[in-house]
Amino acid sequence: MNTVMERKNQTIVAVPSGITELVRGSDLRLVGYVEPLVRSQDVMLDFSAIERVDAAGIAALIALYGTARSTGHSFRLCDVRKHVSEVLALVGLEHILVECTADWNSPVRGTLAQTAA
């Protein structure tokens, strides 16, 4: 199930159902789903389902960020797992992309859980 909700002038989007790793193959599915959104509005992507990211996944995130910026919008990640956050930090993207790391008491997580029910 794909969850989209509005919060503080931005859309919070859940990663498409079934994607737990942002790797070659799933990267194109994510871009296809999120790119139209970042072209028209600020987007925060709920990354809580993502357990692993590789170079193709990082490239997809950079592409989405670039598309958002070129159209005057923002693209950020929330509820990023520690391991994924560490990978993004290694390549210098954590401070650019990560809004918040995984916190099971996060207001975003609670709101998404309620809307998905």
PDB file of N, CA and C in Angstrom:
ATOM      1  N   MET A   1       0.844  -1.176   0.000  1.00  0.00           N
ATOM      2  CA  MET A   1       0.000   0.000   0.000  1.00  0.00           C
ATOM      3  C   MET A   1       0.886   1.234   0.000  1.00  0.00           C
ATOM      4  N   ASN A   2       0.572   2.176  -0.846  1.00  0.00           N
ATOM      5  CA  ASN A   2       1.308   3.427  -0.888  1.00  0.00           C
ATOM      6  C   ASN A   2       0.552   4.456  -0.071  1.00  0.00           C
ATOM      7  N   THR A   3       1.255   5.097   0.839  1.00  0.00           N
ATOM      8  CA  THR A   3       0.637   6.082   1.696  1.00  0.00           C
ATOM      9  C   THR A   3       1.180   7.449   1.348  1.00  0.00           C
ATOM     10  N   VAL A   4       0.275   8.380   1.129  1.00  0.00           N
ATOM     11  CA  VAL A   4       0.653   9.762   0.867  1.00  0.00           C
ATOM     12  C   VAL A   4      -0.186  10.615   1.797  1.00  0.00           C
ATOM     13  N   MET A   5       0.450  11.556   2.489  1.00  0.00           N
ATOM     14  CA  MET A   5      -0.293  12.472   3.343  1.00  0.00           C
ATOM     15  C   MET A   5       0.369  13.835   3.325  1.00  0.00           C
ATOM     16  N   GLU A   6      -0.387  14.860   3.636  1.00  0.00           N
ATOM     17  CA  GLU A   6       0.111  16.228   3.654  1.00  0.00           C
ATOM     18  C   GLU A   6       0.507  16.606   5.077  1.00  0.00           C
ATOM     19  N   ARG A   7       1.618  17.339   5.198  1.00  0.00           N
ATOM     20  CA  ARG A   7       2.068  17.817   6.509  1.00  0.00           C
ATOM     21  C   ARG A   7       2.948  19.030   6.294  1.00  0.00           C
ATOM     22  N   LYS A   8       2.579  20.152   6.877  1.00  0.00           N
ATOM     23  CA  LYS A   8       3.397  21.378   6.834  1.00  0.00           C
ATOM     24  C   LYS A   8       3.895  21.693   5.421  1.00  0.00           C
ATOM     25  N   ASN A   9       2.987  21.844   4.487  1.00  0.00           N
ATOM     26  CA  ASN A   9       3.308  22.208   3.112  1.00  0.00           C
ATOM     27  C   ASN A   9       4.210  21.214   2.395  1.00  0.00           C
ATOM     28  N   GLN A  10       4.214  19.992   2.828  1.00  0.00           N
ATOM     29  CA  GLN A  10       4.957  18.967   2.113  1.00  0.00           C
ATOM     30  C   GLN A  10       4.178  17.663   2.162  1.00  0.00           C
ATOM     31  N   THR A  11       4.451  16.831   1.204  1.00  0.00           N
ATOM     32  CA  THR A  11       3.797  15.546   1.135  1.00  0.00           C
ATOM     33  C   THR A  11       4.724  14.498   1.716  1.00  0.00           C
ATOM     34  N   ILE A  12       4.227  13.707   2.640  1.00  0.00           N
ATOM     35  CA  ILE A  12       4.989  12.603   3.203  1.00  0.00           C
ATOM     36  C   ILE A  12       4.570  11.355   2.443  1.00  0.00           C
ATOM     37  N   VAL A  13       5.545  10.690   1.855  1.00  0.00           N
ATOM     38  CA  VAL A  13       5.283   9.550   0.989  1.00  0.00           C
ATOM     39  C   VAL A  13       5.971   8.316   1.554  1.00  0.00           C
ATOM     40  N   ALA A  14       5.244   7.216   1.632  1.00  0.00           N
ATOM     41  CA  ALA A  14       5.838   5.947   2.038  1.00  0.00           C
ATOM     42  C   ALA A  14       6.473   5.294   0.814  1.00  0.00           C
ATOM     43  N   VAL A  15       7.565   4.613   1.025  1.00  0.00           N
ATOM     44  CA  VAL A  15       8.209   3.852  -0.041  1.00  0.00           C
ATOM     45  C   VAL A  15       7.193   2.839  -0.566  1.00  0.00           C
ATOM     46  N   PRO A  16       7.121   2.620  -1.878  1.00  0.00           N
ATOM     47  CA  PRO A  16       6.157   1.652  -2.418  1.00  0.00           C
ATOM     48  C   PRO A  16       6.245   0.296  -1.727  1.00  0.00           C
ATOM     49  N   SER A  17       5.125  -0.312  -1.552  1.00  0.00           N
ATOM     50  CA  SER A  17       5.011  -1.605  -0.887  1.00  0.00           C
ATOM     51  C   SER A  17       5.941  -2.640  -1.514  1.00  0.00           C
ATOM     52  N   GLY A  18       6.597  -3.399  -0.657  1.00  0.00           N
ATOM     53  CA  GLY A  18       7.473  -4.469  -1.121  1.00  0.00           C
ATOM     54  C   GLY A  18       8.923  -4.069  -1.291  1.00  0.00           C
ATOM     55  N   ILE A  19       9.220  -2.785  -1.245  1.00  0.00           N
ATOM     56  CA  ILE A  19      10.613  -2.353  -1.378  1.00  0.00           C
ATOM     57  C   ILE A  19      11.215  -2.242   0.020  1.00  0.00           C
ATOM     58  N   THR A  20      12.181  -3.117   0.322  1.00  0.00           N
ATOM     59  CA  THR A  20      12.888  -3.053   1.600  1.00  0.00           C
ATOM     60  C   THR A  20      14.361  -2.738   1.400  1.00  0.00           C
ATOM     61  N   GLU A  21      14.804  -2.805   0.144  1.00  0.00           N
ATOM     62  CA  GLU A  21      16.180  -2.465  -0.196  1.00  0.00           C
ATOM     63  C   GLU A  21      16.144  -1.545  -1.398  1.00  0.00           C
ATOM     64  N   LEU A  22      16.864  -0.453  -1.306  1.00  0.00           N
ATOM     65  CA  LEU A  22      16.960   0.456  -2.447  1.00  0.00           C
ATOM     66  C   LEU A  22      18.241   0.102  -3.193  1.00  0.00           C
ATOM     67  N   VAL A  23      18.106  -0.842  -4.111  1.00  0.00           N
ATOM     68  CA  VAL A  23      19.226  -1.405  -4.861  1.00  0.00           C
ATOM     69  C   VAL A  23      18.856  -1.426  -6.345  1.00  0.00           C
ATOM     70  N   ARG A  24      19.822  -1.803  -7.189  1.00  0.00           N
ATOM     71  CA  ARG A  24      19.563  -1.867  -8.625  1.00  0.00           C
ATOM     72  C   ARG A  24      18.308  -2.697  -8.881  1.00  0.00           C
ATOM     73  N   GLY A  25      17.396  -2.136  -9.623  1.00  0.00           N
ATOM     74  CA  GLY A  25      16.109  -2.770  -9.907  1.00  0.00           C
ATOM     75  C   GLY A  25      14.994  -2.058  -9.161  1.00  0.00           C
ATOM     76  N   SER A  26      15.087  -2.000  -7.847  1.00  0.00           N
ATOM     77  CA  SER A  26      14.059  -1.288  -7.082  1.00  0.00           C
ATOM     78  C   SER A  26      14.245   0.224  -7.195  1.00  0.00           C
ATOM     79  N   ASP A  27      15.447   0.661  -7.565  1.00  0.00           N
ATOM     80  CA  ASP A  27      15.700   2.097  -7.706  1.00  0.00           C
ATOM     81  C   ASP A  27      14.796   2.723  -8.764  1.00  0.00           C
ATOM     82  N   LEU A  28      14.600   2.041  -9.878  1.00  0.00           N
ATOM     83  CA  LEU A  28      13.760   2.571 -10.957  1.00  0.00           C
ATOM     84  C   LEU A  28      12.289   2.624 -10.547  1.00  0.00           C
ATOM     85  N   ARG A  29      11.859   1.649  -9.776  1.00  0.00           N
ATOM     86  CA  ARG A  29      10.473   1.651  -9.280  1.00  0.00           C
ATOM     87  C   ARG A  29      10.235   2.849  -8.358  1.00  0.00           C
ATOM     88  N   LEU A  30      11.194   3.102  -7.467  1.00  0.00           N
ATOM     89  CA  LEU A  30      11.056   4.227  -6.554  1.00  0.00           C
ATOM     90  C   LEU A  30      11.054   5.550  -7.318  1.00  0.00           C
ATOM     91  N   VAL A  31      11.997   5.714  -8.237  1.00  0.00           N
ATOM     92  CA  VAL A  31      12.068   6.963  -9.011  1.00  0.00           C
ATOM     93  C   VAL A  31      10.779   7.163  -9.800  1.00  0.00           C
ATOM     94  N   GLY A  32      10.280   6.107 -10.423  1.00  0.00           N
ATOM     95  CA  GLY A  32       9.045   6.217 -11.186  1.00  0.00           C
ATOM     96  C   GLY A  32       7.861   6.660 -10.350  1.00  0.00           C
ATOM     97  N   TYR A  33       7.836   6.254  -9.102  1.00  0.00           N
ATOM     98  CA  TYR A  33       6.747   6.612  -8.197  1.00  0.00           C
ATOM     99  C   TYR A  33       6.915   8.016  -7.615  1.00  0.00           C
ATOM    100  N   VAL A  34       8.143   8.367  -7.210  1.00  0.00           N
ATOM    101  CA  VAL A  34       8.356   9.617  -6.479  1.00  0.00           C
ATOM    102  C   VAL A  34       8.635  10.809  -7.398  1.00  0.00           C
ATOM    103  N   GLU A  35       9.257  10.586  -8.542  1.00  0.00           N
ATOM    104  CA  GLU A  35       9.646  11.716  -9.395  1.00  0.00           C
ATOM    105  C   GLU A  35       8.485  12.636  -9.778  1.00  0.00           C
ATOM    106  N   PRO A  36       7.329  12.123 -10.171  1.00  0.00           N
ATOM    107  CA  PRO A  36       6.229  13.050 -10.491  1.00  0.00           C
ATOM    108  C   PRO A  36       5.823  13.918  -9.294  1.00  0.00           C
ATOM    109  N   LEU A  37       5.958  13.367  -8.108  1.00  0.00           N
ATOM    110  CA  LEU A  37       5.610  14.125  -6.903  1.00  0.00           C
ATOM    111  C   LEU A  37       6.604  15.244  -6.634  1.00  0.00           C
ATOM    112  N   VAL A  38       7.921  14.954  -6.755  1.00  0.00           N
ATOM    113  CA  VAL A  38       8.926  15.991  -6.456  1.00  0.00           C
ATOM    114  C   VAL A  38       8.926  17.092  -7.504  1.00  0.00           C
ATOM    115  N   ARG A  39       8.376  16.829  -8.682  1.00  0.00           N
ATOM    116  CA  ARG A  39       8.273  17.867  -9.712  1.00  0.00           C
ATOM    117  C   ARG A  39       7.215  18.908  -9.371  1.00  0.00           C
ATOM    118  N   SER A  40       6.255  18.536  -8.496  1.00  0.00           N
ATOM    119  CA  SER A  40       5.137  19.440  -8.229  1.00  0.00           C
ATOM    120  C   SER A  40       4.988  19.880  -6.777  1.00  0.00           C
ATOM    121  N   GLN A  41       5.783  19.310  -5.866  1.00  0.00           N
ATOM    122  CA  GLN A  41       5.614  19.650  -4.451  1.00  0.00           C
ATOM    123  C   GLN A  41       6.821  19.204  -3.635  1.00  0.00           C
ATOM    124  N   ASP A  42       6.913  19.724  -2.411  1.00  0.00           N
ATOM    125  CA  ASP A  42       7.941  19.276  -1.472  1.00  0.00           C
ATOM    126  C   ASP A  42       7.571  17.865  -1.007  1.00  0.00           C
ATOM    127  N   VAL A  43       8.574  16.983  -0.940  1.00  0.00           N
ATOM    128  CA  VAL A  43       8.319  15.591  -0.575  1.00  0.00           C
ATOM    129  C   VAL A  43       9.263  15.153   0.535  1.00  0.00           C
ATOM    130  N   MET A  44       8.694  14.496   1.537  1.00  0.00           N
ATOM    131  CA  MET A  44       9.474  13.803   2.545  1.00  0.00           C
ATOM    132  C   MET A  44       9.165  12.321   2.388  1.00  0.00           C
ATOM    133  N   LEU A  45      10.193  11.527   2.129  1.00  0.00           N
ATOM    134  CA  LEU A  45      10.023  10.106   1.888  1.00  0.00           C
ATOM    135  C   LEU A  45      10.255   9.326   3.174  1.00  0.00           C
ATOM    136  N   ASP A  46       9.224   8.604   3.613  1.00  0.00           N
ATOM    137  CA  ASP A  46       9.343   7.756   4.805  1.00  0.00           C
ATOM    138  C   ASP A  46      10.196   6.548   4.418  1.00  0.00           C
ATOM    139  N   PHE A  47      11.403   6.515   4.947  1.00  0.00           N
ATOM    140  CA  PHE A  47      12.402   5.518   4.576  1.00  0.00           C
ATOM    141  C   PHE A  47      12.478   4.379   5.583  1.00  0.00           C
ATOM    142  N   SER A  48      11.497   4.263   6.458  1.00  0.00           N
ATOM    143  CA  SER A  48      11.561   3.274   7.544  1.00  0.00           C
ATOM    144  C   SER A  48      11.608   1.835   7.047  1.00  0.00           C
ATOM    145  N   ALA A  49      11.074   1.561   5.877  1.00  0.00           N
ATOM    146  CA  ALA A  49      11.067   0.188   5.358  1.00  0.00           C
ATOM    147  C   ALA A  49      12.397  -0.209   4.717  1.00  0.00           C
ATOM    148  N   ILE A  50      13.253   0.769   4.447  1.00  0.00           N
ATOM    149  CA  ILE A  50      14.493   0.492   3.715  1.00  0.00           C
ATOM    150  C   ILE A  50      15.579   0.019   4.672  1.00  0.00           C
ATOM    151  N   GLU A  51      16.040  -1.214   4.441  1.00  0.00           N
ATOM    152  CA  GLU A  51      17.063  -1.828   5.285  1.00  0.00           C
ATOM    153  C   GLU A  51      18.465  -1.696   4.694  1.00  0.00           C
ATOM    154  N   ARG A  52      18.537  -1.498   3.378  1.00  0.00           N
ATOM    155  CA  ARG A  52      19.841  -1.461   2.713  1.00  0.00           C
ATOM    156  C   ARG A  52      19.758  -0.586   1.474  1.00  0.00           C
ATOM    157  N   VAL A  53      20.860   0.081   1.170  1.00  0.00           N
ATOM    158  CA  VAL A  53      20.933   0.913  -0.027  1.00  0.00           C
ATOM    159  C   VAL A  53      22.292   0.676  -0.684  1.00  0.00           C
ATOM    160  N   ASP A  54      22.308   0.591  -2.021  1.00  0.00           N
ATOM    161  CA  ASP A  54      23.568   0.423  -2.733  1.00  0.00           C
ATOM    162  C   ASP A  54      23.810   1.644  -3.622  1.00  0.00           C
ATOM    163  N   ALA A  55      24.817   1.563  -4.498  1.00  0.00           N
ATOM    164  CA  ALA A  55      25.175   2.699  -5.349  1.00  0.00           C
ATOM    165  C   ALA A  55      24.019   3.119  -6.252  1.00  0.00           C
ATOM    166  N   ALA A  56      23.274   2.158  -6.776  1.00  0.00           N
ATOM    167  CA  ALA A  56      22.128   2.493  -7.629  1.00  0.00           C
ATOM    168  C   ALA A  56      21.057   3.228  -6.821  1.00  0.00           C
ATOM    169  N   GLY A  57      20.855   2.808  -5.583  1.00  0.00           N
ATOM    170  CA  GLY A  57      19.897   3.477  -4.716  1.00  0.00           C
ATOM    171  C   GLY A  57      20.328   4.891  -4.376  1.00  0.00           C
ATOM    172  N   ILE A  58      21.610   5.058  -4.114  1.00  0.00           N
ATOM    173  CA  ILE A  58      22.139   6.393  -3.825  1.00  0.00           C
ATOM    174  C   ILE A  58      21.971   7.285  -5.049  1.00  0.00           C
ATOM    175  N   ALA A  59      22.258   6.746  -6.233  1.00  0.00           N
ATOM    176  CA  ALA A  59      22.077   7.516  -7.469  1.00  0.00           C
ATOM    177  C   ALA A  59      20.619   7.921  -7.649  1.00  0.00           C
ATOM    178  N   ALA A  60      19.692   7.031  -7.303  1.00  0.00           N
ATOM    179  CA  ALA A  60      18.265   7.351  -7.403  1.00  0.00           C
ATOM    180  C   ALA A  60      17.897   8.494  -6.463  1.00  0.00           C
ATOM    181  N   LEU A  61      18.422   8.465  -5.243  1.00  0.00           N
ATOM    182  CA  LEU A  61      18.140   9.536  -4.281  1.00  0.00           C
ATOM    183  C   LEU A  61      18.708  10.864  -4.758  1.00  0.00           C
ATOM    184  N   ILE A  62      19.911  10.827  -5.324  1.00  0.00           N
ATOM    185  CA  ILE A  62      20.516  12.047  -5.856  1.00  0.00           C
ATOM    186  C   ILE A  62      19.674  12.590  -7.018  1.00  0.00           C
ATOM    187  N   ALA A  63      19.205  11.708  -7.883  1.00  0.00           N
ATOM    188  CA  ALA A  63      18.365  12.131  -9.009  1.00  0.00           C
ATOM    189  C   ALA A  63      17.072  12.781  -8.516  1.00  0.00           C
ATOM    190  N   LEU A  64      16.432  12.173  -7.512  1.00  0.00           N
ATOM    191  CA  LEU A  64      15.202  12.739  -6.969  1.00  0.00           C
ATOM    192  C   LEU A  64      15.461  14.092  -6.316  1.00  0.00           C
ATOM    193  N   TYR A  65      16.561  14.196  -5.590  1.00  0.00           N
ATOM    194  CA  TYR A  65      16.930  15.466  -4.957  1.00  0.00           C
ATOM    195  C   TYR A  65      17.154  16.534  -6.030  1.00  0.00           C
ATOM    196  N   GLY A  66      17.886  16.180  -7.081  1.00  0.00           N
ATOM    197  CA  GLY A  66      18.164  17.123  -8.162  1.00  0.00           C
ATOM    198  C   GLY A  66      16.901  17.572  -8.879  1.00  0.00           C
ATOM    199  N   THR A  67      15.998  16.640  -9.128  1.00  0.00           N
ATOM    200  CA  THR A  67      14.731  16.983  -9.770  1.00  0.00           C
ATOM    201  C   THR A  67      13.930  17.938  -8.900  1.00  0.00           C
ATOM    202  N   ALA A  68      13.870  17.644  -7.620  1.00  0.00           N
ATOM    203  CA  ALA A  68      13.135  18.514  -6.693  1.00  0.00           C
ATOM    204  C   ALA A  68      13.736  19.914  -6.694  1.00  0.00           C
ATOM    205  N   ARG A  69      15.037  20.002  -6.560  1.00  0.00           N
ATOM    206  CA  ARG A  69      15.706  21.310  -6.526  1.00  0.00           C
ATOM    207  C   ARG A  69      15.498  22.095  -7.821  1.00  0.00           C
ATOM    208  N   SER A  70      15.592  21.397  -8.959  1.00  0.00           N
ATOM    209  CA  SER A  70      15.465  22.091 -10.249  1.00  0.00           C
ATOM    210  C   SER A  70      14.047  22.610 -10.492  1.00  0.00           C
ATOM    211  N   THR A  71      13.077  22.069  -9.772  1.00  0.00           N
ATOM    212  CA  THR A  71      11.698  22.541  -9.917  1.00  0.00           C
ATOM    213  C   THR A  71      11.251  23.392  -8.723  1.00  0.00           C
ATOM    214  N   GLY A  72      12.217  23.758  -7.874  1.00  0.00           N
ATOM    215  CA  GLY A  72      11.918  24.645  -6.753  1.00  0.00           C
ATOM    216  C   GLY A  72      11.301  23.965  -5.547  1.00  0.00           C
ATOM    217  N   HIS A  73      11.509  22.669  -5.424  1.00  0.00           N
ATOM    218  CA  HIS A  73      10.934  21.926  -4.306  1.00  0.00           C
ATOM    219  C   HIS A  73      12.032  21.256  -3.486  1.00  0.00           C
ATOM    220  N   SER A  74      11.619  20.665  -2.379  1.00  0.00           N
ATOM    221  CA  SER A  74      12.585  19.959  -1.535  1.00  0.00           C
ATOM    222  C   SER A  74      12.291  18.469  -1.549  1.00  0.00           C
ATOM    223  N   PHE A  75      13.331  17.692  -1.262  1.00  0.00           N
ATOM    224  CA  PHE A  75      13.214  16.237  -1.146  1.00  0.00           C
ATOM    225  C   PHE A  75      14.069  15.819   0.024  1.00  0.00           C
ATOM    226  N   ARG A  76      13.437  15.193   1.018  1.00  0.00           N
ATOM    227  CA  ARG A  76      14.133  14.751   2.226  1.00  0.00           C
ATOM    228  C   ARG A  76      13.659  13.352   2.604  1.00  0.00           C
ATOM    229  N   LEU A  77      14.436  12.695   3.452  1.00  0.00           N
ATOM    230  CA  LEU A  77      14.105  11.368   3.959  1.00  0.00           C
ATOM    231  C   LEU A  77      13.806  11.466   5.451  1.00  0.00           C
ATOM    232  N   CYS A  78      12.852  10.677   5.907  1.00  0.00           N
ATOM    233  CA  CYS A  78      12.594  10.610   7.346  1.00  0.00           C
ATOM    234  C   CYS A  78      12.548   9.145   7.767  1.00  0.00           C
ATOM    235  N   ASP A  79      12.717   8.927   9.044  1.00  0.00           N
ATOM    236  CA  ASP A  79      12.737   7.585   9.636  1.00  0.00           C
ATOM    237  C   ASP A  79      13.753   6.671   8.954  1.00  0.00           C
ATOM    238  N   VAL A  80      14.949   7.206   8.778  1.00  0.00           N
ATOM    239  CA  VAL A  80      16.034   6.458   8.140  1.00  0.00           C
ATOM    240  C   VAL A  80      16.688   5.551   9.175  1.00  0.00           C
ATOM    241  N   ARG A  81      16.815   4.279   8.853  1.00  0.00           N
ATOM    242  CA  ARG A  81      17.461   3.329   9.757  1.00  0.00           C
ATOM    243  C   ARG A  81      18.934   3.690   9.944  1.00  0.00           C
ATOM    244  N   LYS A  82      19.458   3.301  11.088  1.00  0.00           N
ATOM    245  CA  LYS A  82      20.826   3.664  11.444  1.00  0.00           C
ATOM    246  C   LYS A  82      21.834   3.231  10.381  1.00  0.00           C
ATOM    247  N   HIS A  83      21.762   2.000   9.928  1.00  0.00           N
ATOM    248  CA  HIS A  83      22.727   1.505   8.943  1.00  0.00           C
ATOM    249  C   HIS A  83      22.644   2.299   7.645  1.00  0.00           C
ATOM    250  N   VAL A  84      21.441   2.580   7.182  1.00  0.00           N
ATOM    251  CA  VAL A  84      21.267   3.354   5.950  1.00  0.00           C
ATOM    252  C   VAL A  84      21.773   4.772   6.150  1.00  0.00           C
ATOM    253  N   SER A  85      21.501   5.354   7.292  1.00  0.00           N
ATOM    254  CA  SER A  85      21.989   6.693   7.607  1.00  0.00           C
ATOM    255  C   SER A  85      23.518   6.733   7.597  1.00  0.00           C
ATOM    256  N   GLU A  86      24.149   5.680   8.116  1.00  0.00           N
ATOM    257  CA  GLU A  86      25.612   5.603   8.121  1.00  0.00           C
ATOM    258  C   GLU A  86      26.166   5.532   6.694  1.00  0.00           C
ATOM    259  N   VAL A  87      25.501   4.775   5.822  1.00  0.00           N
ATOM    260  CA  VAL A  87      25.932   4.687   4.421  1.00  0.00           C
ATOM    261  C   VAL A  87      25.808   6.062   3.761  1.00  0.00           C
ATOM    262  N   LEU A  88      24.695   6.734   3.998  1.00  0.00           N
ATOM    263  CA  LEU A  88      24.512   8.069   3.417  1.00  0.00           C
ATOM    264  C   LEU A  88      25.544   9.053   3.967  1.00  0.00           C
ATOM    265  N   ALA A  89      25.906   8.904   5.238  1.00  0.00           N
ATOM    266  CA  ALA A  89      26.939   9.763   5.826  1.00  0.00           C
ATOM    267  C   ALA A  89      28.296   9.501   5.174  1.00  0.00           C
ATOM    268  N   LEU A  90      28.604   8.242   4.882  1.00  0.00           N
ATOM    269  CA  LEU A  90      29.883   7.905   4.244  1.00  0.00           C
ATOM    270  C   LEU A  90      30.058   8.573   2.888  1.00  0.00           C
ATOM    271  N   VAL A  91      28.953   8.742   2.160  1.00  0.00           N
ATOM    272  CA  VAL A  91      29.040   9.377   0.842  1.00  0.00           C
ATOM    273  C   VAL A  91      28.698  10.868   0.895  1.00  0.00           C
ATOM    274  N   GLY A  92      28.534  11.401   2.104  1.00  0.00           N
ATOM    275  CA  GLY A  92      28.328  12.832   2.274  1.00  0.00           C
ATOM    276  C   GLY A  92      26.918  13.320   2.008  1.00  0.00           C
ATOM    277  N   LEU A  93      25.943  12.431   2.066  1.00  0.00           N
ATOM    278  CA  LEU A  93      24.570  12.828   1.761  1.00  0.00           C
ATOM    279  C   LEU A  93      23.652  12.928   2.972  1.00  0.00           C
ATOM    280  N   GLU A  94      24.092  12.436   4.105  1.00  0.00           N
ATOM    281  CA  GLU A  94      23.205  12.420   5.267  1.00  0.00           C
ATOM    282  C   GLU A  94      22.714  13.830   5.617  1.00  0.00           C
ATOM    283  N   HIS A  95      23.607  14.795   5.656  1.00  0.00           N
ATOM    284  CA  HIS A  95      23.195  16.148   6.042  1.00  0.00           C
ATOM    285  C   HIS A  95      22.330  16.819   4.977  1.00  0.00           C
ATOM    286  N   ILE A  96      22.357  16.314   3.760  1.00  0.00           N
ATOM    287  CA  ILE A  96      21.549  16.883   2.674  1.00  0.00           C
ATOM    288  C   ILE A  96      20.175  16.232   2.609  1.00  0.00           C
ATOM    289  N   LEU A  97      20.118  14.915   2.795  1.00  0.00           N
ATOM    290  CA  LEU A  97      18.880  14.181   2.566  1.00  0.00           C
ATOM    291  C   LEU A  97      18.099  13.798   3.821  1.00  0.00           C
ATOM    292  N   VAL A  98      18.779  13.561   4.930  1.00  0.00           N
ATOM    293  CA  VAL A  98      18.111  12.971   6.098  1.00  0.00           C
ATOM    294  C   VAL A  98      17.538  14.046   7.008  1.00  0.00           C
ATOM    295  N   GLU A  99      16.222  14.000   7.145  1.00  0.00           N
ATOM    296  CA  GLU A  99      15.503  14.893   8.050  1.00  0.00           C
ATOM    297  C   GLU A  99      15.512  14.323   9.462  1.00  0.00           C
ATOM    298  N   CYS A 100      15.293  13.011   9.577  1.00  0.00           N
ATOM    299  CA  CYS A 100      15.286  12.374  10.893  1.00  0.00           C
ATOM    300  C   CYS A 100      15.611  10.889  10.734  1.00  0.00           C
ATOM    301  N   THR A 101      16.283  10.350  11.719  1.00  0.00           N
ATOM    302  CA  THR A 101      16.609   8.931  11.700  1.00  0.00           C
ATOM    303  C   THR A 101      15.462   8.147  12.325  1.00  0.00           C
ATOM    304  N   ALA A 102      15.520   6.828  12.200  1.00  0.00           N
ATOM    305  CA  ALA A 102      14.434   5.981  12.689  1.00  0.00           C
ATOM    306  C   ALA A 102      14.235   6.169  14.181  1.00  0.00           C
ATOM    307  N   ASP A 103      13.011   6.430  14.549  1.00  0.00           N
ATOM    308  CA  ASP A 103      12.610   6.591  15.936  1.00  0.00           C
ATOM    309  C   ASP A 103      11.185   6.072  16.008  1.00  0.00           C
ATOM    310  N   TRP A 104      11.012   4.967  16.657  1.00  0.00           N
ATOM    311  CA  TRP A 104       9.696   4.337  16.670  1.00  0.00           C
ATOM    312  C   TRP A 104       8.643   5.197  17.338  1.00  0.00           C
ATOM    313  N   ASN A 105       9.035   6.255  18.034  1.00  0.00           N
ATOM    314  CA  ASN A 105       8.075   7.169  18.635  1.00  0.00           C
ATOM    315  C   ASN A 105       7.891   8.425  17.798  1.00  0.00           C
ATOM    316  N   SER A 106       8.405   8.417  16.590  1.00  0.00           N
ATOM    317  CA  SER A 106       8.326   9.573  15.701  1.00  0.00           C
ATOM    318  C   SER A 106       6.882   9.952  15.411  1.00  0.00           C
ATOM    319  N   PRO A 107       6.551  11.267  15.443  1.00  0.00           N
ATOM    320  CA  PRO A 107       5.196  11.686  15.093  1.00  0.00           C
ATOM    321  C   PRO A 107       4.859  11.341  13.637  1.00  0.00           C
ATOM    322  N   VAL A 108       5.858  11.351  12.771  1.00  0.00           N
ATOM    323  CA  VAL A 108       5.623  10.993  11.373  1.00  0.00           C
ATOM    324  C   VAL A 108       5.221   9.532  11.291  1.00  0.00           C
ATOM    325  N   ARG A 109       5.959   8.652  11.954  1.00  0.00           N
ATOM    326  CA  ARG A 109       5.645   7.220  11.918  1.00  0.00           C
ATOM    327  C   ARG A 109       4.241   6.979  12.456  1.00  0.00           C
ATOM    328  N   GLY A 110       3.890   7.612  13.574  1.00  0.00           N
ATOM    329  CA  GLY A 110       2.561   7.418  14.150  1.00  0.00           C
ATOM    330  C   GLY A 110       1.466   7.887  13.216  1.00  0.00           C
ATOM    331  N   THR A 111       1.672   9.004  12.558  1.00  0.00           N
ATOM    332  CA  THR A 111       0.674   9.530  11.629  1.00  0.00           C
ATOM    333  C   THR A 111       0.535   8.622  10.428  1.00  0.00           C
ATOM    334  N   LEU A 112       1.653   8.139   9.882  1.00  0.00           N
ATOM    335  CA  LEU A 112       1.592   7.235   8.743  1.00  0.00           C
ATOM    336  C   LEU A 112       0.903   5.929   9.116  1.00  0.00           C
ATOM    337  N   ALA A 113       1.190   5.421  10.307  1.00  0.00           N
ATOM    338  CA  ALA A 113       0.558   4.175  10.738  1.00  0.00           C
ATOM    339  C   ALA A 113      -0.946   4.342  10.843  1.00  0.00           C
ATOM    340  N   GLN A 114      -1.388   5.500  11.325  1.00  0.00           N
ATOM    341  CA  GLN A 114      -2.815   5.745  11.456  1.00  0.00           C
ATOM    342  C   GLN A 114      -3.491   5.850  10.090  1.00  0.00           C
ATOM    343  N   THR A 115      -2.857   6.514   9.133  1.00  0.00           N
ATOM    344  CA  THR A 115      -3.480   6.676   7.828  1.00  0.00           C
ATOM    345  C   THR A 115      -3.474   5.391   7.031  1.00  0.00           C
ATOM    346  N   ALA A 116      -2.519   4.500   7.306  1.00  0.00           N
ATOM    347  CA  ALA A 116      -2.448   3.239   6.578  1.00  0.00           C
ATOM    348  C   ALA A 116      -3.472   2.230   7.096  1.00  0.00           C
ATOM    349  N   ALA A 117      -3.956   2.450   8.304  1.00  0.00           N
ATOM    350  CA  ALA A 117      -4.899   1.484   8.913  1.00  0.00           C
ATOM    351  C   ALA A 117      -6.272   1.570   8.304  1.00  0.00           C
TER     352      ALA A 117
END
